[in-house]
Amino acid sequence: MGMSDKRRACGSWGLALSVLLAAMAGAAHAQTPSEDVAAQIRQQGYTCDQPVTAHRDVRRSKPDSAVWVLACRDALYRVRLSPDMSARVTKLKPHRTRRTPS
C-alpha cells in the first residue's frame, strides 16, 4: 500500500467518522412533537413560548393531513399540518374544570 493509498484510506475513515458524529449529535437534539408543531406555528406568527404537550387528534386527521392539539404555557391550539402548505391553526379555549358550589 503506497502513501497515496494510505492517505485515501485515512480520509475515508475521517469522513465516515465525521458523518457518524454529526448523526449522533442530531439524534441527541431530536425535537419532540410539541416542539416541532410549536416551531411551525411560530413561523406563522402565533405565540407558543413554552410548548407543554402535543397529541395527535386521530379523529380529525386524514391520511395526508395530520391534526395536532398543541398545549403551550400560554395558549391551546388545534393545528392541521398538510404537505407543502401552511398549517391551519385554530386557537382553542382551554378546558376549565367546573367547581360545584359547596
Foldseek 3Di string as FASTA:
>chain_A
DDPVVVVVVVVVVVVVVVVVVVVVVCVVPDDDPLVVVQVLVVVVPDDAPAWDDKDWPVVPADPQWTWIWTDGPVFIWIWIDGPPDRIDIDTDDDDDDDDDDD
